[in-house]
């Protein structure tokens, strides 16, 4: 088993993740007709017995046990209660472990410094306790997946701080970040500054970043919502959890509740596609961190098919070379050899 723990931070992170959990549940309904809890499903979910005050973990047992009740491997974090409370009261509320929820009441005021320097140290230990509980239910955790916004105070500031806290507490576990960057015409005046400050934390503490451009999302949504020439119908339904997916999955999608649902659904589909190789068995089944280990960071765009082993040959070679040459004076004191 290769579990992924999702950390959803701030209003944007929690709303995107809400759509993501709704989508992946319907995918598993479509493909898991027997209702059995297997290894692939355990990467993002736990199977629990809710007859106990603290629901008892039901082992995978080779995929032979039926699904009793699912709990998402997720930690919900926000500096105000509104969005998280809405999620917990909604149709997906039972999916989340209440002991893995961390909220405050006043918000970060769209201020990176408030989220990072005030709420971060204040809630560090409570956050890590939620993470320890989530990790404690994992047999072999493969990575953390942080979902947050770069423009708001909580997503950028507190998200930055929590990312560094995860590195301190779990240095061997990969950290993935899905970061929503603000558009140029964002109505929050501090969002460009928040994004710049949070970007430094991503560079320092994230192993892999999936950047999401709000301007591109708005353009995609407008393109989908705009009727095609010569027709009265709109294009594809991935922005609203469409009827085709609903009929195939045999369930009802969560109804849209706010203006950003279409944009959030696009990001949710991206995350679902990225994690499909982990959540389902098959020839392409692989660990999520694998892509971060394989790319060449600086590939040669035009390699020489016949490389010269001696690019600077001596035009007047010595016909009688010394068989025991004396060693040179050693490396220059200004030369630094790096093995990293």
C-alpha atoms as a PDB file:
ATOM      1  CA  UNK A   1       0.000   0.000   0.000  1.00  0.00           C
ATOM      2  CA  UNK A   2       1.257   3.471  -0.901  1.00  0.00           C
ATOM      3  CA  UNK A   3      -0.798   6.100   0.859  1.00  0.00           C
ATOM      4  CA  UNK A   4      -1.115   9.799   0.006  1.00  0.00           C
ATOM      5  CA  UNK A   5      -2.135  12.275   2.733  1.00  0.00           C
ATOM      6  CA  UNK A   6      -3.842  15.398   1.371  1.00  0.00           C
ATOM      7  CA  UNK A   7      -3.365  18.700   3.222  1.00  0.00           C
ATOM      8  CA  UNK A   8      -6.051  21.185   2.132  1.00  0.00           C
ATOM      9  CA  UNK A   9      -5.352  24.723   3.331  1.00  0.00           C
ATOM     10  CA  UNK A  10      -7.514  27.837   3.201  1.00  0.00           C
ATOM     11  CA  UNK A  11     -10.778  28.546   1.416  1.00  0.00           C
ATOM     12  CA  UNK A  12      -9.422  27.771  -2.053  1.00  0.00           C
ATOM     13  CA  UNK A  13      -7.603  24.602  -0.985  1.00  0.00           C
ATOM     14  CA  UNK A  14     -10.630  23.199   0.805  1.00  0.00           C
ATOM     15  CA  UNK A  15     -13.063  24.023  -1.999  1.00  0.00           C
ATOM     16  CA  UNK A  16     -10.835  22.451  -4.661  1.00  0.00           C
ATOM     17  CA  UNK A  17     -10.317  19.382  -2.484  1.00  0.00           C
ATOM     18  CA  UNK A  18     -14.058  19.120  -1.834  1.00  0.00           C
ATOM     19  CA  UNK A  19     -14.602  18.805  -5.586  1.00  0.00           C
ATOM     20  CA  UNK A  20     -11.688  16.378  -5.885  1.00  0.00           C
ATOM     21  CA  UNK A  21     -13.090  14.002  -3.248  1.00  0.00           C
ATOM     22  CA  UNK A  22     -16.533  14.140  -4.857  1.00  0.00           C
ATOM     23  CA  UNK A  23     -15.030  13.286  -8.245  1.00  0.00           C
ATOM     24  CA  UNK A  24     -12.802  10.398  -7.120  1.00  0.00           C
ATOM     25  CA  UNK A  25     -15.618   8.844  -5.093  1.00  0.00           C
ATOM     26  CA  UNK A  26     -17.816   8.743  -8.191  1.00  0.00           C
ATOM     27  CA  UNK A  27     -14.950   7.274 -10.214  1.00  0.00           C
ATOM     28  CA  UNK A  28     -14.538   4.470  -7.694  1.00  0.00           C
ATOM     29  CA  UNK A  29     -18.296   3.836  -7.690  1.00  0.00           C
ATOM     30  CA  UNK A  30     -18.106   3.390 -11.443  1.00  0.00           C
ATOM     31  CA  UNK A  31     -15.125   0.997 -11.420  1.00  0.00           C
ATOM     32  CA  UNK A  32     -15.640  -0.860  -8.137  1.00  0.00           C
ATOM     33  CA  UNK A  33     -18.954  -2.591  -8.780  1.00  0.00           C
ATOM     34  CA  UNK A  34     -18.428  -5.213  -6.050  1.00  0.00           C
ATOM     35  CA  UNK A  35     -17.879  -2.592  -3.351  1.00  0.00           C
ATOM     36  CA  UNK A  36     -14.629  -4.148  -2.085  1.00  0.00           C
ATOM     37  CA  UNK A  37     -11.880  -2.154  -0.395  1.00  0.00           C
ATOM     38  CA  UNK A  38      -8.604  -2.907  -2.210  1.00  0.00           C
ATOM     39  CA  UNK A  39      -4.988  -1.711  -2.141  1.00  0.00           C
ATOM     40  CA  UNK A  40      -5.469   0.956  -4.795  1.00  0.00           C
ATOM     41  CA  UNK A  41      -8.442   2.496  -3.036  1.00  0.00           C
ATOM     42  CA  UNK A  42      -6.526   2.527   0.253  1.00  0.00           C
ATOM     43  CA  UNK A  43      -4.037   5.012  -1.223  1.00  0.00           C
ATOM     44  CA  UNK A  44      -6.493   7.869  -0.585  1.00  0.00           C
ATOM     45  CA  UNK A  45      -9.114   6.315   1.730  1.00  0.00           C
ATOM     46  CA  UNK A  46      -9.446   4.330   4.920  1.00  0.00           C
ATOM     47  CA  UNK A  47     -12.113   1.679   5.491  1.00  0.00           C
ATOM     48  CA  UNK A  48     -13.504   2.028   9.032  1.00  0.00           C
ATOM     49  CA  UNK A  49     -16.109   0.537  11.340  1.00  0.00           C
ATOM     50  CA  UNK A  50     -18.197   3.453  12.598  1.00  0.00           C
ATOM     51  CA  UNK A  51     -19.821   1.481  15.426  1.00  0.00           C
ATOM     52  CA  UNK A  52     -16.943   2.613  17.648  1.00  0.00           C
ATOM     53  CA  UNK A  53     -16.519   6.100  19.099  1.00  0.00           C
ATOM     54  CA  UNK A  54     -13.172   6.364  17.315  1.00  0.00           C
ATOM     55  CA  UNK A  55     -13.929   4.383  14.132  1.00  0.00           C
ATOM     56  CA  UNK A  56     -11.951   1.153  14.009  1.00  0.00           C
ATOM     57  CA  UNK A  57      -9.632   0.574  11.058  1.00  0.00           C
ATOM     58  CA  UNK A  58     -10.617  -2.360   8.813  1.00  0.00           C
ATOM     59  CA  UNK A  59      -7.552  -3.883   7.106  1.00  0.00           C
ATOM     60  CA  UNK A  60      -7.358  -4.256   3.338  1.00  0.00           C
ATOM     61  CA  UNK A  61      -6.898  -8.054   3.579  1.00  0.00           C
ATOM     62  CA  UNK A  62      -6.125  -8.466  -0.099  1.00  0.00           C
ATOM     63  CA  UNK A  63      -9.243  -6.613  -1.207  1.00  0.00           C
ATOM     64  CA  UNK A  64     -11.650  -9.174   0.279  1.00  0.00           C
ATOM     65  CA  UNK A  65     -13.461  -6.947   2.778  1.00  0.00           C
ATOM     66  CA  UNK A  66     -16.482  -4.920   1.625  1.00  0.00           C
ATOM     67  CA  UNK A  67     -16.516  -1.161   2.118  1.00  0.00           C
ATOM     68  CA  UNK A  68     -18.056  -0.320   5.476  1.00  0.00           C
ATOM     69  CA  UNK A  69     -17.468   3.458   5.737  1.00  0.00           C
ATOM     70  CA  UNK A  70     -14.785   5.552   4.060  1.00  0.00           C
ATOM     71  CA  UNK A  71     -12.570   8.191   5.611  1.00  0.00           C
ATOM     72  CA  UNK A  72     -10.395  10.393   3.407  1.00  0.00           C
ATOM     73  CA  UNK A  73      -6.693  10.544   4.187  1.00  0.00           C
ATOM     74  CA  UNK A  74      -6.946  14.314   4.522  1.00  0.00           C
ATOM     75  CA  UNK A  75      -6.185  17.129   6.950  1.00  0.00           C
ATOM     76  CA  UNK A  76      -8.439  20.200   6.670  1.00  0.00           C
ATOM     77  CA  UNK A  77      -6.904  23.547   7.700  1.00  0.00           C
ATOM     78  CA  UNK A  78      -8.355  27.063   7.618  1.00  0.00           C
ATOM     79  CA  UNK A  79      -8.113  30.212   9.724  1.00  0.00           C
ATOM     80  CA  UNK A  80     -11.866  30.729   9.610  1.00  0.00           C
ATOM     81  CA  UNK A  81     -14.629  28.194  10.037  1.00  0.00           C
ATOM     82  CA  UNK A  82     -17.021  28.990   7.191  1.00  0.00           C
ATOM     83  CA  UNK A  83     -15.838  26.787   4.324  1.00  0.00           C
ATOM     84  CA  UNK A  84     -14.749  23.849   6.500  1.00  0.00           C
ATOM     85  CA  UNK A  85     -18.044  23.921   8.396  1.00  0.00           C
ATOM     86  CA  UNK A  86     -19.935  23.935   5.101  1.00  0.00           C
ATOM     87  CA  UNK A  87     -17.973  20.866   3.958  1.00  0.00           C
ATOM     88  CA  UNK A  88     -18.546  18.999   7.222  1.00  0.00           C
ATOM     89  CA  UNK A  89     -22.301  19.726   7.113  1.00  0.00           C
ATOM     90  CA  UNK A  90     -22.599  18.802   3.433  1.00  0.00           C
ATOM     91  CA  UNK A  91     -23.153  15.450   1.711  1.00  0.00           C
ATOM     92  CA  UNK A  92     -19.430  14.607   1.986  1.00  0.00           C
ATOM     93  CA  UNK A  93     -19.177  15.517   5.667  1.00  0.00           C
ATOM     94  CA  UNK A  94     -18.891  11.928   6.924  1.00  0.00           C
ATOM     95  CA  UNK A  95     -15.866  11.402   4.688  1.00  0.00           C
ATOM     96  CA  UNK A  96     -13.616  13.491   6.950  1.00  0.00           C
ATOM     97  CA  UNK A  97     -12.158  12.629  10.337  1.00  0.00           C
ATOM     98  CA  UNK A  98     -13.083  15.396  12.798  1.00  0.00           C
ATOM     99  CA  UNK A  99      -9.789  14.834  14.636  1.00  0.00           C
ATOM    100  CA  UNK A 100      -7.951  15.865  11.465  1.00  0.00           C
ATOM    101  CA  UNK A 101      -9.623  19.274  11.184  1.00  0.00           C
ATOM    102  CA  UNK A 102      -7.923  22.503  12.312  1.00  0.00           C
ATOM    103  CA  UNK A 103      -9.700  25.874  12.152  1.00  0.00           C
ATOM    104  CA  UNK A 104      -9.586  29.330  13.721  1.00  0.00           C
ATOM    105  CA  UNK A 105     -12.167  32.102  13.671  1.00  0.00           C
ATOM    106  CA  UNK A 106     -10.693  35.414  12.504  1.00  0.00           C
ATOM    107  CA  UNK A 107      -8.949  34.621   9.178  1.00  0.00           C
ATOM    108  CA  UNK A 108      -5.591  35.860   7.921  1.00  0.00           C
ATOM    109  CA  UNK A 109      -6.884  39.047   6.277  1.00  0.00           C
ATOM    110  CA  UNK A 110      -5.274  38.316   2.877  1.00  0.00           C
ATOM    111  CA  UNK A 111      -1.903  38.878   4.539  1.00  0.00           C
ATOM    112  CA  UNK A 112       0.938  36.406   3.975  1.00  0.00           C
ATOM    113  CA  UNK A 113       2.781  37.562   7.084  1.00  0.00           C
ATOM    114  CA  UNK A 114      -0.262  37.056   9.306  1.00  0.00           C
ATOM    115  CA  UNK A 115      -0.741  33.516   8.067  1.00  0.00           C
ATOM    116  CA  UNK A 116       2.930  32.565   8.187  1.00  0.00           C
ATOM    117  CA  UNK A 117       4.247  34.443  11.207  1.00  0.00           C
ATOM    118  CA  UNK A 118       1.177  34.472  13.465  1.00  0.00           C
ATOM    119  CA  UNK A 119      -1.049  31.480  12.698  1.00  0.00           C
ATOM    120  CA  UNK A 120       1.850  29.234  11.689  1.00  0.00           C
ATOM    121  CA  UNK A 121       3.716  29.126  15.013  1.00  0.00           C
ATOM    122  CA  UNK A 122       0.428  29.327  16.924  1.00  0.00           C
ATOM    123  CA  UNK A 123      -1.056  26.194  15.326  1.00  0.00           C
ATOM    124  CA  UNK A 124       2.119  24.282  14.420  1.00  0.00           C
ATOM    125  CA  UNK A 125       1.831  21.579  17.067  1.00  0.00           C
ATOM    126  CA  UNK A 126      -1.928  21.134  16.594  1.00  0.00           C
ATOM    127  CA  UNK A 127      -1.385  20.773  12.839  1.00  0.00           C
ATOM    128  CA  UNK A 128       1.423  18.264  13.256  1.00  0.00           C
ATOM    129  CA  UNK A 129      -0.745  16.268  15.655  1.00  0.00           C
ATOM    130  CA  UNK A 130      -3.443  16.045  12.959  1.00  0.00           C
ATOM    131  CA  UNK A 131      -0.806  14.944  10.450  1.00  0.00           C
ATOM    132  CA  UNK A 132       0.635  12.360  12.857  1.00  0.00           C
ATOM    133  CA  UNK A 133      -2.805  10.849  13.242  1.00  0.00           C
ATOM    134  CA  UNK A 134      -3.268  10.661   9.466  1.00  0.00           C
ATOM    135  CA  UNK A 135       0.216   9.192   8.962  1.00  0.00           C
ATOM    136  CA  UNK A 136      -0.348   6.729  11.790  1.00  0.00           C
ATOM    137  CA  UNK A 137      -3.058   5.027   9.731  1.00  0.00           C
ATOM    138  CA  UNK A 138      -0.658   4.587   6.787  1.00  0.00           C
ATOM    139  CA  UNK A 139       1.382   1.440   6.193  1.00  0.00           C
ATOM    140  CA  UNK A 140       3.809   3.080   3.763  1.00  0.00           C
ATOM    141  CA  UNK A 141       3.118   6.760   3.097  1.00  0.00           C
ATOM    142  CA  UNK A 142       4.504   7.884  -0.253  1.00  0.00           C
ATOM    143  CA  UNK A 143       3.868  11.643  -0.182  1.00  0.00           C
ATOM    144  CA  UNK A 144       1.948  14.627   1.121  1.00  0.00           C
ATOM    145  CA  UNK A 145      -0.270  16.534  -1.310  1.00  0.00           C
ATOM    146  CA  UNK A 146      -0.771  20.174  -0.295  1.00  0.00           C
ATOM    147  CA  UNK A 147      -3.613  22.070  -2.024  1.00  0.00           C
ATOM    148  CA  UNK A 148      -3.698  25.831  -1.466  1.00  0.00           C
ATOM    149  CA  UNK A 149      -3.952  29.283  -3.011  1.00  0.00           C
ATOM    150  CA  UNK A 150      -1.020  31.626  -3.525  1.00  0.00           C
ATOM    151  CA  UNK A 151      -3.078  34.802  -3.318  1.00  0.00           C
ATOM    152  CA  UNK A 152      -4.903  34.584   0.015  1.00  0.00           C
ATOM    153  CA  UNK A 153      -3.398  35.048   3.437  1.00  0.00           C
ATOM    154  CA  UNK A 154      -4.158  31.554   4.728  1.00  0.00           C
ATOM    155  CA  UNK A 155      -3.270  29.606   1.594  1.00  0.00           C
ATOM    156  CA  UNK A 156      -0.065  31.518   0.908  1.00  0.00           C
ATOM    157  CA  UNK A 157       1.138  32.327   4.425  1.00  0.00           C
ATOM    158  CA  UNK A 158      -0.047  29.415   6.531  1.00  0.00           C
ATOM    159  CA  UNK A 159       0.407  27.053   3.579  1.00  0.00           C
ATOM    160  CA  UNK A 160       4.058  28.130   3.293  1.00  0.00           C
ATOM    161  CA  UNK A 161       4.644  27.588   6.979  1.00  0.00           C
ATOM    162  CA  UNK A 162       2.969  24.170   7.033  1.00  0.00           C
ATOM    163  CA  UNK A 163       5.012  23.038   4.039  1.00  0.00           C
ATOM    164  CA  UNK A 164       8.239  23.793   5.916  1.00  0.00           C
ATOM    165  CA  UNK A 165       6.831  22.103   9.037  1.00  0.00           C
ATOM    166  CA  UNK A 166       6.174  18.943   7.023  1.00  0.00           C
ATOM    167  CA  UNK A 167       9.771  18.975   5.807  1.00  0.00           C
ATOM    168  CA  UNK A 168      11.042  19.327   9.386  1.00  0.00           C
ATOM    169  CA  UNK A 169       8.822  16.557  10.747  1.00  0.00           C
ATOM    170  CA  UNK A 170       8.928  14.149   7.781  1.00  0.00           C
ATOM    171  CA  UNK A 171      12.096  14.937   5.769  1.00  0.00           C
ATOM    172  CA  UNK A 172      12.019  11.600   3.907  1.00  0.00           C
ATOM    173  CA  UNK A 173       8.424  11.961   2.659  1.00  0.00           C
ATOM    174  CA  UNK A 174       7.910  13.722  -0.663  1.00  0.00           C
ATOM    175  CA  UNK A 175       5.902  16.958  -0.629  1.00  0.00           C
ATOM    176  CA  UNK A 176       3.692  17.817  -3.620  1.00  0.00           C
ATOM    177  CA  UNK A 177       1.961  21.196  -3.867  1.00  0.00           C
ATOM    178  CA  UNK A 178      -0.977  22.194  -6.048  1.00  0.00           C
ATOM    179  CA  UNK A 179      -0.784  25.995  -5.960  1.00  0.00           C
ATOM    180  CA  UNK A 180      -3.422  28.301  -7.465  1.00  0.00           C
ATOM    181  CA  UNK A 181      -1.746  31.523  -8.616  1.00  0.00           C
ATOM    182  CA  UNK A 182      -3.825  34.739  -8.750  1.00  0.00           C
ATOM    183  CA  UNK A 183      -4.764  36.389 -12.026  1.00  0.00           C
ATOM    184  CA  UNK A 184      -3.332  39.780 -12.968  1.00  0.00           C
ATOM    185  CA  UNK A 185      -6.695  41.475 -12.349  1.00  0.00           C
ATOM    186  CA  UNK A 186      -7.301  39.774  -8.981  1.00  0.00           C
ATOM    187  CA  UNK A 187      -9.516  41.907  -6.747  1.00  0.00           C
ATOM    188  CA  UNK A 188      -7.289  41.323  -3.669  1.00  0.00           C
ATOM    189  CA  UNK A 189      -4.672  44.088  -3.703  1.00  0.00           C
ATOM    190  CA  UNK A 190      -2.145  42.052  -1.692  1.00  0.00           C
ATOM    191  CA  UNK A 191      -2.353  38.870  -3.795  1.00  0.00           C
ATOM    192  CA  UNK A 192       0.751  39.592  -5.964  1.00  0.00           C
ATOM    193  CA  UNK A 193       2.863  40.116  -2.845  1.00  0.00           C
ATOM    194  CA  UNK A 194       1.428  37.006  -1.193  1.00  0.00           C
ATOM    195  CA  UNK A 195       2.204  34.956  -4.292  1.00  0.00           C
ATOM    196  CA  UNK A 196       5.820  36.152  -4.493  1.00  0.00           C
ATOM    197  CA  UNK A 197       6.469  35.441  -0.814  1.00  0.00           C
ATOM    198  CA  UNK A 198       4.810  32.024  -0.974  1.00  0.00           C
ATOM    199  CA  UNK A 199       6.666  31.084  -4.168  1.00  0.00           C
ATOM    200  CA  UNK A 200       9.962  31.249  -2.281  1.00  0.00           C
ATOM    201  CA  UNK A 201       8.651  28.656   0.175  1.00  0.00           C
ATOM    202  CA  UNK A 202       7.613  26.369  -2.689  1.00  0.00           C
ATOM    203  CA  UNK A 203      11.107  26.529  -4.151  1.00  0.00           C
ATOM    204  CA  UNK A 204      12.674  25.757  -0.779  1.00  0.00           C
ATOM    205  CA  UNK A 205      10.356  23.080   0.625  1.00  0.00           C
ATOM    206  CA  UNK A 206       8.285  21.415  -2.144  1.00  0.00           C
ATOM    207  CA  UNK A 207       9.587  18.451  -4.148  1.00  0.00           C
ATOM    208  CA  UNK A 208       7.100  18.976  -6.977  1.00  0.00           C
ATOM    209  CA  UNK A 209       4.697  21.858  -7.730  1.00  0.00           C
ATOM    210  CA  UNK A 210       1.610  21.782  -9.943  1.00  0.00           C
ATOM    211  CA  UNK A 211       0.988  25.492 -10.670  1.00  0.00           C
ATOM    212  CA  UNK A 212      -2.565  26.507 -11.531  1.00  0.00           C
ATOM    213  CA  UNK A 213      -3.105  29.872 -13.216  1.00  0.00           C
ATOM    214  CA  UNK A 214      -6.426  31.469 -12.315  1.00  0.00           C
ATOM    215  CA  UNK A 215      -6.387  33.533 -15.522  1.00  0.00           C
ATOM    216  CA  UNK A 216      -6.076  30.352 -17.598  1.00  0.00           C
ATOM    217  CA  UNK A 217      -8.889  28.728 -15.625  1.00  0.00           C
ATOM    218  CA  UNK A 218     -11.150  31.717 -16.240  1.00  0.00           C
ATOM    219  CA  UNK A 219     -10.395  31.540 -19.971  1.00  0.00           C
ATOM    220  CA  UNK A 220     -11.131  27.809 -20.072  1.00  0.00           C
ATOM    221  CA  UNK A 221     -14.389  28.223 -18.189  1.00  0.00           C
ATOM    222  CA  UNK A 222     -15.493  31.035 -20.498  1.00  0.00           C
ATOM    223  CA  UNK A 223     -14.667  28.892 -23.501  1.00  0.00           C
ATOM    224  CA  UNK A 224     -16.699  25.984 -22.117  1.00  0.00           C
ATOM    225  CA  UNK A 225     -19.634  28.162 -21.117  1.00  0.00           C
ATOM    226  CA  UNK A 226     -19.738  29.911 -24.505  1.00  0.00           C
ATOM    227  CA  UNK A 227     -22.063  28.130 -27.003  1.00  0.00           C
ATOM    228  CA  UNK A 228     -20.372  26.686 -30.066  1.00  0.00           C
ATOM    229  CA  UNK A 229     -21.048  28.350 -33.410  1.00  0.00           C
ATOM    230  CA  UNK A 230     -24.232  27.049 -34.978  1.00  0.00           C
ATOM    231  CA  UNK A 231     -25.407  25.203 -31.866  1.00  0.00           C
ATOM    232  CA  UNK A 232     -27.417  25.978 -28.782  1.00  0.00           C
ATOM    233  CA  UNK A 233     -25.495  23.585 -26.539  1.00  0.00           C
ATOM    234  CA  UNK A 234     -22.479  24.240 -24.406  1.00  0.00           C
ATOM    235  CA  UNK A 235     -19.208  22.377 -24.729  1.00  0.00           C
ATOM    236  CA  UNK A 236     -18.113  19.511 -22.347  1.00  0.00           C
ATOM    237  CA  UNK A 237     -19.227  19.212 -18.772  1.00  0.00           C
ATOM    238  CA  UNK A 238     -16.026  18.871 -16.757  1.00  0.00           C
ATOM    239  CA  UNK A 239     -16.654  22.288 -15.241  1.00  0.00           C
ATOM    240  CA  UNK A 240     -19.881  21.178 -13.605  1.00  0.00           C
ATOM    241  CA  UNK A 241     -19.575  17.430 -12.881  1.00  0.00           C
ATOM    242  CA  UNK A 242     -21.738  16.716 -15.899  1.00  0.00           C
ATOM    243  CA  UNK A 243     -24.611  14.356 -16.544  1.00  0.00           C
ATOM    244  CA  UNK A 244     -22.460  11.850 -18.440  1.00  0.00           C
ATOM    245  CA  UNK A 245     -20.242  11.232 -15.441  1.00  0.00           C
ATOM    246  CA  UNK A 246     -23.217  11.258 -13.118  1.00  0.00           C
ATOM    247  CA  UNK A 247     -25.049   8.574 -15.098  1.00  0.00           C
ATOM    248  CA  UNK A 248     -21.963   6.383 -15.442  1.00  0.00           C
ATOM    249  CA  UNK A 249     -21.125   6.634 -11.756  1.00  0.00           C
ATOM    250  CA  UNK A 250     -24.654   5.904 -10.649  1.00  0.00           C
ATOM    251  CA  UNK A 251     -24.670   8.762  -8.162  1.00  0.00           C
ATOM    252  CA  UNK A 252     -25.473  12.440  -7.889  1.00  0.00           C
ATOM    253  CA  UNK A 253     -22.682  15.027  -7.920  1.00  0.00           C
ATOM    254  CA  UNK A 254     -22.525  17.687  -5.257  1.00  0.00           C
ATOM    255  CA  UNK A 255     -24.587  20.659  -6.405  1.00  0.00           C
ATOM    256  CA  UNK A 256     -22.678  23.861  -7.268  1.00  0.00           C
ATOM    257  CA  UNK A 257     -22.772  26.335  -4.406  1.00  0.00           C
ATOM    258  CA  UNK A 258     -20.467  29.216  -5.337  1.00  0.00           C
ATOM    259  CA  UNK A 259     -19.092  31.117  -8.320  1.00  0.00           C
ATOM    260  CA  UNK A 260     -15.744  29.307  -8.420  1.00  0.00           C
ATOM    261  CA  UNK A 261     -17.183  25.797  -8.752  1.00  0.00           C
ATOM    262  CA  UNK A 262     -16.434  25.589 -12.483  1.00  0.00           C
ATOM    263  CA  UNK A 263     -12.782  26.568 -11.935  1.00  0.00           C
ATOM    264  CA  UNK A 264     -12.454  24.235  -8.962  1.00  0.00           C
ATOM    265  CA  UNK A 265     -13.833  21.342 -11.011  1.00  0.00           C
ATOM    266  CA  UNK A 266     -11.141  21.851 -13.642  1.00  0.00           C
ATOM    267  CA  UNK A 267      -8.423  21.619 -10.985  1.00  0.00           C
ATOM    268  CA  UNK A 268     -10.162  18.608  -9.415  1.00  0.00           C
ATOM    269  CA  UNK A 269     -10.115  16.801 -12.765  1.00  0.00           C
ATOM    270  CA  UNK A 270      -6.414  17.616 -13.123  1.00  0.00           C
ATOM    271  CA  UNK A 271      -5.693  16.110  -9.701  1.00  0.00           C
ATOM    272  CA  UNK A 272      -7.855  13.076 -10.455  1.00  0.00           C
ATOM    273  CA  UNK A 273      -5.925  12.459 -13.680  1.00  0.00           C
ATOM    274  CA  UNK A 274      -2.571  12.910 -11.955  1.00  0.00           C
ATOM    275  CA  UNK A 275      -3.469  10.418  -9.222  1.00  0.00           C
ATOM    276  CA  UNK A 276      -5.297   7.855 -11.381  1.00  0.00           C
ATOM    277  CA  UNK A 277      -2.181   5.681 -11.647  1.00  0.00           C
ATOM    278  CA  UNK A 278      -2.124   5.419  -7.853  1.00  0.00           C
ATOM    279  CA  UNK A 279      -5.856   4.971  -7.267  1.00  0.00           C
ATOM    280  CA  UNK A 280      -6.435   2.188  -9.803  1.00  0.00           C
ATOM    281  CA  UNK A 281      -4.663  -1.069 -10.610  1.00  0.00           C
ATOM    282  CA  UNK A 282      -3.249  -1.644 -14.070  1.00  0.00           C
ATOM    283  CA  UNK A 283      -0.144  -1.695 -16.231  1.00  0.00           C
ATOM    284  CA  UNK A 284       0.499   1.999 -15.540  1.00  0.00           C
ATOM    285  CA  UNK A 285       0.003   1.741 -11.780  1.00  0.00           C
ATOM    286  CA  UNK A 286       2.913   3.591 -10.164  1.00  0.00           C
ATOM    287  CA  UNK A 287       3.926   5.669  -7.180  1.00  0.00           C
ATOM    288  CA  UNK A 288       3.031   9.346  -7.336  1.00  0.00           C
ATOM    289  CA  UNK A 289       6.606  10.547  -6.534  1.00  0.00           C
ATOM    290  CA  UNK A 290       8.092   8.512  -9.420  1.00  0.00           C
ATOM    291  CA  UNK A 291       7.910  11.358 -12.003  1.00  0.00           C
ATOM    292  CA  UNK A 292      10.027  13.581  -9.740  1.00  0.00           C
ATOM    293  CA  UNK A 293      12.899  11.077  -9.876  1.00  0.00           C
ATOM    294  CA  UNK A 294      13.135  10.513 -13.638  1.00  0.00           C
ATOM    295  CA  UNK A 295      13.318  13.812 -15.610  1.00  0.00           C
ATOM    296  CA  UNK A 296      16.724  15.136 -16.709  1.00  0.00           C
ATOM    297  CA  UNK A 297      16.808  18.744 -15.428  1.00  0.00           C
ATOM    298  CA  UNK A 298      19.145  19.893 -18.261  1.00  0.00           C
ATOM    299  CA  UNK A 299      18.869  17.596 -21.302  1.00  0.00           C
ATOM    300  CA  UNK A 300      21.067  18.184 -24.360  1.00  0.00           C
ATOM    301  CA  UNK A 301      18.640  19.329 -27.122  1.00  0.00           C
ATOM    302  CA  UNK A 302      21.031  18.241 -29.925  1.00  0.00           C
ATOM    303  CA  UNK A 303      23.423  15.501 -28.793  1.00  0.00           C
ATOM    304  CA  UNK A 304      26.451  14.757 -30.996  1.00  0.00           C
ATOM    305  CA  UNK A 305      25.977  11.284 -32.603  1.00  0.00           C
ATOM    306  CA  UNK A 306      29.799  10.863 -32.862  1.00  0.00           C
ATOM    307  CA  UNK A 307      31.328  12.484 -29.794  1.00  0.00           C
ATOM    308  CA  UNK A 308      35.090  13.104 -29.885  1.00  0.00           C
ATOM    309  CA  UNK A 309      36.715  11.558 -26.813  1.00  0.00           C
ATOM    310  CA  UNK A 310      39.561  14.130 -27.027  1.00  0.00           C
ATOM    311  CA  UNK A 311      38.086  17.490 -28.095  1.00  0.00           C
ATOM    312  CA  UNK A 312      41.486  19.301 -27.807  1.00  0.00           C
ATOM    313  CA  UNK A 313      44.196  16.979 -29.173  1.00  0.00           C
ATOM    314  CA  UNK A 314      47.866  17.998 -28.848  1.00  0.00           C
ATOM    315  CA  UNK A 315      49.079  19.123 -32.353  1.00  0.00           C
ATOM    316  CA  UNK A 316      52.699  18.049 -31.482  1.00  0.00           C
ATOM    317  CA  UNK A 317      52.497  14.881 -29.395  1.00  0.00           C
ATOM    318  CA  UNK A 318      55.668  13.662 -27.630  1.00  0.00           C
ATOM    319  CA  UNK A 319      56.986  10.563 -29.521  1.00  0.00           C
ATOM    320  CA  UNK A 320      58.601   9.234 -26.288  1.00  0.00           C
ATOM    321  CA  UNK A 321      56.199   9.965 -23.413  1.00  0.00           C
ATOM    322  CA  UNK A 322      57.471   9.519 -19.851  1.00  0.00           C
ATOM    323  CA  UNK A 323      56.034   6.209 -18.478  1.00  0.00           C
ATOM    324  CA  UNK A 324      56.091   7.616 -14.913  1.00  0.00           C
ATOM    325  CA  UNK A 325      54.974  11.235 -15.125  1.00  0.00           C
ATOM    326  CA  UNK A 326      55.295  13.305 -11.986  1.00  0.00           C
ATOM    327  CA  UNK A 327      52.045  14.485 -10.380  1.00  0.00           C
ATOM    328  CA  UNK A 328      50.964  18.004 -11.070  1.00  0.00           C
ATOM    329  CA  UNK A 329      50.726  20.800  -8.517  1.00  0.00           C
ATOM    330  CA  UNK A 330      47.193  19.764  -7.523  1.00  0.00           C
ATOM    331  CA  UNK A 331      43.844  21.415  -8.002  1.00  0.00           C
ATOM    332  CA  UNK A 332      43.468  25.149  -7.953  1.00  0.00           C
ATOM    333  CA  UNK A 333      42.434  26.488  -4.532  1.00  0.00           C
ATOM    334  CA  UNK A 334      39.539  28.271  -6.265  1.00  0.00           C
ATOM    335  CA  UNK A 335      38.114  25.106  -7.835  1.00  0.00           C
ATOM    336  CA  UNK A 336      35.115  23.554  -6.052  1.00  0.00           C
ATOM    337  CA  UNK A 337      34.000  20.029  -6.906  1.00  0.00           C
ATOM    338  CA  UNK A 338      30.352  19.292  -6.177  1.00  0.00           C
ATOM    339  CA  UNK A 339      28.858  15.805  -6.090  1.00  0.00           C
ATOM    340  CA  UNK A 340      25.289  16.982  -5.595  1.00  0.00           C
END
